[in-house]
Amino acid sequence: GRAEARLVALRTLAREAPLGDARAVEAMCLCVRDKARGLRLEAIAALPQVAAPGDERAVAAIAAACMDDMREEVRIAALRALPRLAPARHAGAIAAANAMLADRRVRHEAQSTLRLLSGGVGGDVEDTHGLPPCGTPSKLGGRVV
């Protein structure tokens, strides 16, 4: 159907478009908001291959997918793509990842993204909403949260 045709077109665009091509980036940004989950996932994976590092349209589209998409796997894919597009310490990217710390299903990925955006492991991520990093004992009887 139509979603399959859009998927084939997106894959071709990702393979053929030169790095930084404005029209290709715009088309992929639209696909990030498509109703078909598979197309959204493919667009999120393809954007870092086509958009120039720091491309604000691409960063904004991926940041919006982090925060707005109803599907957990799409939010995780967007969190993983964000550091590949956004420059270190990018305020919008950090805000999007920070917003995801409250979602226990993607918290671990959000923490990893924040570390990368803040300059690597051990960076100065400030706002963790009072939550311990994933995999560390909490004050709840030593259980791992």
Protein backbone atom coordinates (compact mmCIF):
# COMPACT_ATOMS: atom_id res chain seq x y z
CA GLY A 1 0.00 0.00 0.00
CA ARG A 2 0.91 3.61 0.41
CA ALA A 3 3.01 3.11 3.54
CA GLU A 4 5.08 0.49 1.73
CA ALA A 5 5.65 2.85 -1.22
CA ARG A 6 6.72 5.61 1.18
CA LEU A 7 9.08 3.16 2.88
CA VAL A 8 10.72 2.20 -0.44
CA ALA A 9 11.07 5.90 -1.34
CA LEU A 10 12.58 6.69 2.08
CA ARG A 11 15.13 3.88 1.77
CA THR A 12 16.11 5.05 -1.70
CA LEU A 13 16.45 8.62 -0.47
CA ALA A 14 18.62 7.50 2.45
CA ARG A 15 20.86 5.57 0.09
CA GLU A 16 21.12 8.15 -2.71
CA ALA A 17 20.85 11.61 -1.13
CA PRO A 18 24.08 13.52 -0.55
CA LEU A 19 24.92 14.47 3.03
CA GLY A 20 23.08 17.63 4.04
CA ASP A 21 20.62 17.64 1.12
CA ALA A 22 17.91 20.02 2.36
CA ARG A 23 15.03 18.46 0.42
CA ALA A 24 15.94 14.94 1.53
CA VAL A 25 16.20 16.06 5.16
CA GLU A 26 12.82 17.79 4.94
CA ALA A 27 11.19 14.69 3.47
CA MET A 28 12.69 12.51 6.20
CA CYS A 29 11.54 14.93 8.90
CA LEU A 30 8.01 14.55 7.57
CA CYS A 31 8.37 10.77 7.68
CA VAL A 32 9.38 10.95 11.37
CA ARG A 33 5.78 12.12 11.99
CA ASP A 34 4.11 9.61 9.64
CA LYS A 35 1.22 7.52 10.95
CA ALA A 36 3.00 4.27 10.00
CA ARG A 37 5.28 3.17 12.86
CA GLY A 38 7.67 1.33 10.54
CA LEU A 39 8.17 4.42 8.43
CA ARG A 40 8.82 6.53 11.53
CA LEU A 41 11.45 4.05 12.70
CA GLU A 42 13.15 3.97 9.28
CA ALA A 43 13.15 7.77 9.05
CA ILE A 44 14.69 8.10 12.51
CA ALA A 45 17.42 5.62 11.53
CA ALA A 46 18.04 7.32 8.17
CA LEU A 47 18.15 10.97 9.28
CA PRO A 48 21.64 10.79 10.82
CA GLN A 49 22.92 9.36 7.53
CA VAL A 50 21.56 12.23 5.44
CA ALA A 51 21.32 15.28 7.68
CA ALA A 52 24.50 17.19 8.35
CA PRO A 53 25.58 17.04 12.00
CA GLY A 54 23.76 19.75 13.91
CA ASP A 55 20.99 20.19 11.30
CA GLU A 56 18.35 21.97 13.38
CA ARG A 57 15.37 20.59 11.44
CA ALA A 58 16.59 17.03 11.93
CA VAL A 59 17.41 17.58 15.61
CA ALA A 60 13.97 19.12 16.20
CA ALA A 61 12.18 16.26 14.41
CA ILE A 62 14.07 13.62 16.40
CA ALA A 63 13.59 15.52 19.69
CA ALA A 64 9.85 15.74 19.03
CA ALA A 65 9.73 11.98 18.34
CA CYS A 66 11.46 11.38 21.69
CA MET A 67 8.79 13.27 23.56
CA ASP A 68 5.63 12.88 21.49
CA ASP A 69 5.52 9.43 19.93
CA MET A 70 3.10 7.00 21.55
CA ARG A 71 5.25 3.96 20.74
CA GLU A 72 8.05 3.06 23.12
CA GLU A 73 10.26 1.61 20.38
CA VAL A 74 10.02 4.86 18.40
CA ARG A 75 10.97 6.95 21.45
CA ILE A 76 13.95 4.65 22.09
CA ALA A 77 15.08 4.87 18.44
CA ALA A 78 14.79 8.66 18.60
CA LEU A 79 16.80 8.82 21.82
CA ARG A 80 19.51 6.72 20.19
CA ALA A 81 19.58 8.92 17.07
CA LEU A 82 19.65 12.22 18.94
CA PRO A 83 23.37 12.19 19.89
CA ARG A 84 24.26 11.27 16.30
CA LEU A 85 22.64 14.49 15.06
CA ALA A 86 22.79 17.04 17.84
CA PRO A 87 26.04 18.69 18.83
CA ALA A 88 27.21 18.21 22.42
CA ARG A 89 25.33 20.34 24.92
CA HIS A 90 22.49 21.11 22.46
CA ALA A 91 19.80 22.61 24.69
CA GLY A 92 16.81 21.25 22.76
CA ALA A 93 18.23 17.74 22.56
CA ILE A 94 19.09 17.75 26.25
CA ALA A 95 15.60 19.01 27.11
CA ALA A 96 14.01 16.21 25.07
CA ALA A 97 16.16 13.51 26.69
CA ASN A 98 15.60 15.03 30.14
CA ALA A 99 11.84 14.88 29.59
CA MET A 100 12.14 11.15 28.98
CA LEU A 101 13.72 10.44 32.38
CA ALA A 102 10.24 10.38 33.88
CA ASP A 103 9.23 7.47 31.60
CA ARG A 104 10.54 4.32 33.27
CA ARG A 105 10.29 2.36 30.00
CA VAL A 106 12.87 4.58 28.24
CA ARG A 107 14.72 6.05 31.24
CA HIS A 108 17.89 4.00 30.71
CA GLU A 109 18.13 5.10 27.07
CA ALA A 110 17.46 8.72 28.08
CA GLN A 111 20.29 8.56 30.62
CA SER A 112 22.67 7.19 27.98
CA THR A 113 21.62 9.91 25.57
CA LEU A 114 22.17 12.60 28.19
CA ARG A 115 25.66 11.25 28.93
CA LEU A 116 26.55 11.41 25.24
CA LEU A 117 25.07 14.89 24.78
CA SER A 118 26.87 16.21 27.83
CA GLY A 119 30.25 15.10 26.59
CA GLY A 120 30.52 11.41 27.37
CA VAL A 121 30.41 9.04 30.29
CA GLY A 122 30.64 10.91 33.55
CA GLY A 123 29.41 14.15 31.99
CA ASP A 124 27.66 16.81 34.00
CA VAL A 125 24.04 15.81 33.52
CA GLU A 126 22.34 17.82 36.23
CA ASP A 127 18.64 17.03 36.22
CA THR A 128 17.76 13.42 36.91
CA HIS A 129 14.42 14.17 38.57
CA GLY A 130 15.87 12.77 41.79
CA LEU A 131 16.08 9.27 40.32
CA PRO A 132 19.15 7.06 40.68
CA PRO A 133 20.81 5.86 37.48
CA CYS A 134 19.36 2.60 36.19
CA GLY A 135 20.98 -0.46 37.67
CA THR A 136 22.03 1.18 40.94
CA PRO A 137 20.68 0.22 44.34
CA SER A 138 18.02 2.59 45.57
CA LYS A 139 17.06 3.39 49.14
CA LEU A 140 14.16 0.96 48.73
CA GLY A 141 15.73 -1.97 50.51
CA GLY A 142 18.73 -2.15 48.19
CA ARG A 143 16.61 -3.20 45.22
CA VAL A 144 17.81 -2.20 41.79
CA VAL A 145 15.49 0.26 40.06
